[in-house]
Protein backbone atom coordinates (compact mmCIF):
# COMPACT_ATOMS: atom_id res chain seq x y z
CA MET A 1 37.14 -93.41 -11.94
CA ALA A 2 34.48 -93.47 -9.24
CA HIS A 3 33.80 -90.35 -7.19
CA ILE A 4 34.31 -90.95 -3.48
CA ASN A 5 33.31 -88.28 -0.98
CA LEU A 6 35.65 -88.44 1.93
CA LEU A 7 34.25 -85.37 3.73
CA PRO A 8 32.34 -85.95 6.99
CA TRP A 9 28.89 -85.36 5.41
CA ARG A 10 27.04 -87.30 8.07
CA GLU A 11 28.32 -85.00 10.79
CA ALA A 12 27.41 -81.95 8.71
CA GLN A 13 23.92 -83.34 8.12
CA LEU A 14 23.57 -84.08 11.86
CA LYS A 15 24.66 -80.55 12.71
CA ALA A 16 22.18 -79.10 10.23
CA ARG A 17 19.38 -81.17 11.75
CA GLN A 18 20.40 -80.14 15.26
CA THR A 19 20.48 -76.48 14.21
CA GLU A 20 17.04 -76.83 12.62
CA TYR A 21 15.72 -78.65 15.70
CA PHE A 22 16.99 -76.00 18.11
CA THR A 23 15.67 -73.24 15.86
CA VAL A 24 12.20 -74.82 15.81
CA LEU A 25 12.45 -75.42 19.57
CA ALA A 26 13.39 -71.79 20.17
CA ILE A 27 10.54 -70.59 17.95
CA VAL A 28 8.07 -72.84 19.82
CA ALA A 29 9.42 -71.69 23.20
CA VAL A 30 9.21 -68.01 22.22
CA SER A 31 5.71 -68.54 20.79
CA ALA A 32 4.60 -70.34 23.97
CA PHE A 33 6.11 -67.60 26.14
CA VAL A 34 4.40 -64.88 24.07
CA LEU A 35 1.10 -66.80 24.20
CA ILE A 36 1.36 -67.35 27.96
CA PHE A 37 2.30 -63.69 28.44
CA LEU A 38 -0.67 -62.51 26.37
CA VAL A 39 -3.09 -64.84 28.20
CA GLY A 40 -1.64 -63.69 31.53
CA GLN A 41 -2.02 -60.04 30.51
CA PHE A 42 -5.61 -60.69 29.43
CA TYR A 43 -6.56 -62.33 32.73
CA GLN A 44 -4.60 -59.75 34.70
CA ALA A 45 -6.57 -57.03 32.93
CA ARG A 46 -9.81 -58.82 33.80
CA VAL A 47 -8.68 -59.22 37.44
CA ASN A 48 -7.74 -55.53 37.59
CA GLY A 49 -11.13 -54.63 36.12
CA GLN A 50 -12.91 -56.81 38.65
CA ASN A 51 -10.85 -55.33 41.48
CA SER A 52 -11.71 -51.78 40.39
CA LEU A 53 -15.38 -52.82 40.14
CA ASN A 54 -15.20 -54.36 43.62
CA GLN A 55 -13.64 -51.17 44.99
CA TYR A 56 -16.36 -49.10 43.35
CA LEU A 57 -19.03 -51.39 44.86
CA ARG A 58 -17.37 -51.16 48.30
CA ASN A 59 -17.41 -47.35 48.06
CA GLU A 60 -21.06 -47.38 47.02
CA ILE A 61 -21.91 -49.81 49.84
CA GLN A 62 -20.20 -47.51 52.36
CA GLN A 63 -22.23 -44.57 51.07
CA LEU A 64 -25.42 -46.65 51.24
CA ASP A 65 -24.52 -47.75 54.79
CA LEU A 66 -24.18 -44.09 55.76
CA LYS A 67 -27.55 -43.33 54.17
CA ILE A 68 -29.11 -46.35 55.92
CA GLY A 69 -27.71 -45.07 59.22
CA GLU A 70 -29.24 -41.66 58.52
CA ILE A 71 -32.54 -43.32 57.63
CA LYS A 72 -32.47 -45.30 60.90
CA VAL A 73 -31.85 -42.10 62.85
CA LEU A 74 -34.69 -40.39 60.98
CA ASN A 75 -36.99 -43.37 61.62
CA GLU A 76 -36.14 -43.26 65.34
CA LYS A 77 -36.89 -39.53 65.39
CA LYS A 78 -40.12 -40.18 63.49
CA ASP A 79 -41.15 -42.91 65.97
CA ALA A 80 -40.35 -40.60 68.89
CA LEU A 81 -42.41 -37.82 67.30
CA GLN A 82 -45.30 -40.19 66.64
CA LYS A 83 -45.22 -41.32 70.27
CA ARG A 84 -45.25 -37.70 71.41
CA ILE A 85 -48.14 -36.94 69.06
CA ARG A 86 -50.08 -39.92 70.43
CA VAL A 87 -49.43 -38.79 74.01
CA ILE A 88 -50.50 -35.25 73.13
CA GLU A 89 -53.66 -36.58 71.45
CA GLN A 90 -54.43 -38.71 74.49
CA LEU A 91 -53.82 -35.74 76.78
CA GLN A 92 -56.08 -33.64 74.56
CA ARG A 93 -58.81 -36.29 74.76
CA SER A 94 -58.41 -36.61 78.53
CA ARG A 95 -58.32 -32.86 79.17
CA ASN A 96 -61.96 -32.66 80.21
CA VAL A 97 -62.14 -36.19 81.55
CA GLY A 98 -63.61 -35.19 84.92
CA THR A 99 -66.62 -33.55 83.32
CA GLN A 100 -66.99 -36.37 80.79
CA VAL A 101 -66.81 -39.04 83.52
CA LEU A 102 -69.44 -37.37 85.67
CA ASP A 103 -71.68 -36.85 82.65
CA GLU A 104 -71.32 -40.49 81.57
CA ILE A 105 -71.86 -41.74 85.15
CA ALA A 106 -75.18 -39.89 85.22
CA LYS A 107 -76.17 -41.74 82.02
CA ILE A 108 -75.14 -45.27 83.01
CA VAL A 109 -76.26 -45.44 86.64
CA PRO A 110 -79.84 -46.83 86.68
CA ASN A 111 -82.51 -46.30 89.32
CA GLY A 112 -81.84 -48.44 92.36
CA ILE A 113 -78.04 -47.84 92.32
CA TYR A 114 -76.57 -45.28 94.73
CA LEU A 115 -72.91 -44.32 94.36
CA THR A 116 -71.16 -43.38 97.57
CA HIS A 117 -67.57 -43.01 96.37
CA MET A 118 -65.68 -42.69 93.07
CA GLU A 119 -61.90 -42.77 92.78
CA LYS A 120 -59.82 -42.41 89.61
CA LYS A 121 -56.38 -43.99 89.43
CA GLY A 122 -54.73 -43.57 86.04
CA ASN A 123 -57.29 -44.79 83.55
CA THR A 124 -59.23 -46.89 86.08
CA LEU A 125 -62.31 -45.65 87.89
CA GLN A 126 -63.25 -47.38 91.14
CA LEU A 127 -66.92 -47.16 92.09
CA LEU A 128 -68.32 -47.89 95.57
CA GLY A 129 -72.02 -47.81 96.23
CA LYS A 130 -75.24 -49.52 97.24
CA SER A 131 -77.66 -51.46 95.09
CA GLU A 132 -81.27 -52.44 95.66
CA SER A 133 -80.84 -55.62 93.58
CA ASN A 134 -78.34 -57.53 91.50
CA ASN A 135 -80.46 -56.88 88.39
CA HIS A 136 -79.73 -53.17 88.72
CA LEU A 137 -76.00 -53.95 88.83
CA ALA A 138 -76.33 -56.17 85.72
CA ASN A 139 -78.13 -53.33 83.90
CA MET A 140 -75.39 -50.93 84.93
CA ILE A 141 -72.67 -53.27 83.61
CA ARG A 142 -74.52 -53.57 80.28
CA GLU A 143 -74.73 -49.77 80.05
CA ILE A 144 -70.99 -49.51 80.78
CA GLU A 145 -70.21 -51.96 77.96
CA ARG A 146 -72.34 -49.87 75.56
CA SER A 147 -70.65 -46.65 76.68
CA ASP A 148 -68.22 -44.75 74.45
CA LEU A 149 -66.15 -43.65 77.45
CA PHE A 150 -66.08 -46.73 79.70
CA ALA A 151 -65.04 -50.34 79.13
CA ASP A 152 -64.07 -53.53 80.99
CA ALA A 153 -66.45 -53.28 83.95
CA THR A 154 -65.31 -55.64 86.71
CA LEU A 155 -67.49 -56.27 89.75
CA ASP A 156 -65.10 -56.90 92.63
CA SER A 157 -67.58 -57.61 95.41
CA ILE A 158 -71.25 -57.56 96.46
CA ILE A 159 -71.94 -57.62 100.19
CA SER A 160 -75.50 -57.97 101.51
CA ASP A 161 -76.28 -56.80 105.03
CA GLU A 162 -79.46 -58.50 106.20
CA LYS A 163 -79.70 -56.32 109.32
CA THR A 164 -80.68 -53.21 107.39
CA VAL A 165 -84.33 -52.56 106.68
CA LYS A 166 -83.99 -51.72 102.99
CA LEU A 167 -81.78 -54.75 102.22
CA LEU A 168 -79.29 -52.71 100.22
CA SER A 169 -76.14 -54.50 98.98
CA ASP A 170 -72.76 -52.83 99.07
CA PHE A 171 -70.80 -53.26 95.85
CA LYS A 172 -67.35 -52.45 94.59
CA MET A 173 -66.69 -52.12 90.84
CA ARG A 174 -63.75 -51.18 88.61
CA VAL A 175 -64.19 -49.56 85.19
CA ARG A 176 -61.55 -48.63 82.59
CA ILE A 177 -61.75 -45.20 80.99
CA LYS A 178 -61.01 -45.44 77.26
CA GLY A 179 -58.39 -43.30 75.54
CA LEU A 180 -56.60 -42.00 78.62
CA VAL A 181 -52.90 -41.89 79.31
CA ASN A 182 -52.23 -44.56 81.92
CA ASP A 183 -50.47 -42.25 84.36
CA VAL A 184 -51.06 -42.76 88.06
CA ALA A 185 -49.31 -39.48 88.87
CA VAL A 186 -52.09 -37.58 87.11
CA SER A 187 -54.85 -39.51 88.88
CA GLY A 188 -57.53 -37.59 90.70
CA THR A 189 -60.13 -38.43 93.29
CA VAL A 190 -63.80 -37.59 92.90
CA ALA A 191 -66.25 -38.26 95.74
CA ALA A 192 -70.01 -38.32 95.59
CA SER A 193 -72.42 -39.12 98.35
CA GLY A 194 -75.89 -40.73 98.09
CA GLY A 195 -76.54 -39.70 94.44
CA GLY A 196 -79.00 -41.80 92.44
CA ALA A 197 -80.10 -41.49 88.87
């Protein structure tokens, strides 16, 4: 007699397949979760490392900013000291300026030029005098330009008075004294009358 299976084998087979499917699905889900968790932990560790590195760099930058501020303060102090040193050197050079000016004037004033008045304002020397000819004035300007003490000779005016017998011309000239502190408060006045060299 033929063997007939009357048990619901199709339902049992379907249940077995469903159980296998859900088991595989659960394994895949757990594996994906574990993989995502591990990748997340890896990148979180890298982010934490980068954050700690950034914090370290920020701390170092703050320390460098403090040092830069100290360097700026030191540079400002250095500049102030250098300015003071330059002023002191200029004052040292201009200490005997009166004697030096008179000595140099005696060297640069040629025959035929007669100074009547000298006035020092800051580092500018104003000369008033009389000249026998314009050639003498030109020679004097050339001597001033060759001088180690004077520079920038500027002839302000030449006035000829034809009524006088000697035909002397009045002139007015400005000369800069090199290497002096330009301080009008320290200016002095030197007067000379009728001196020729």
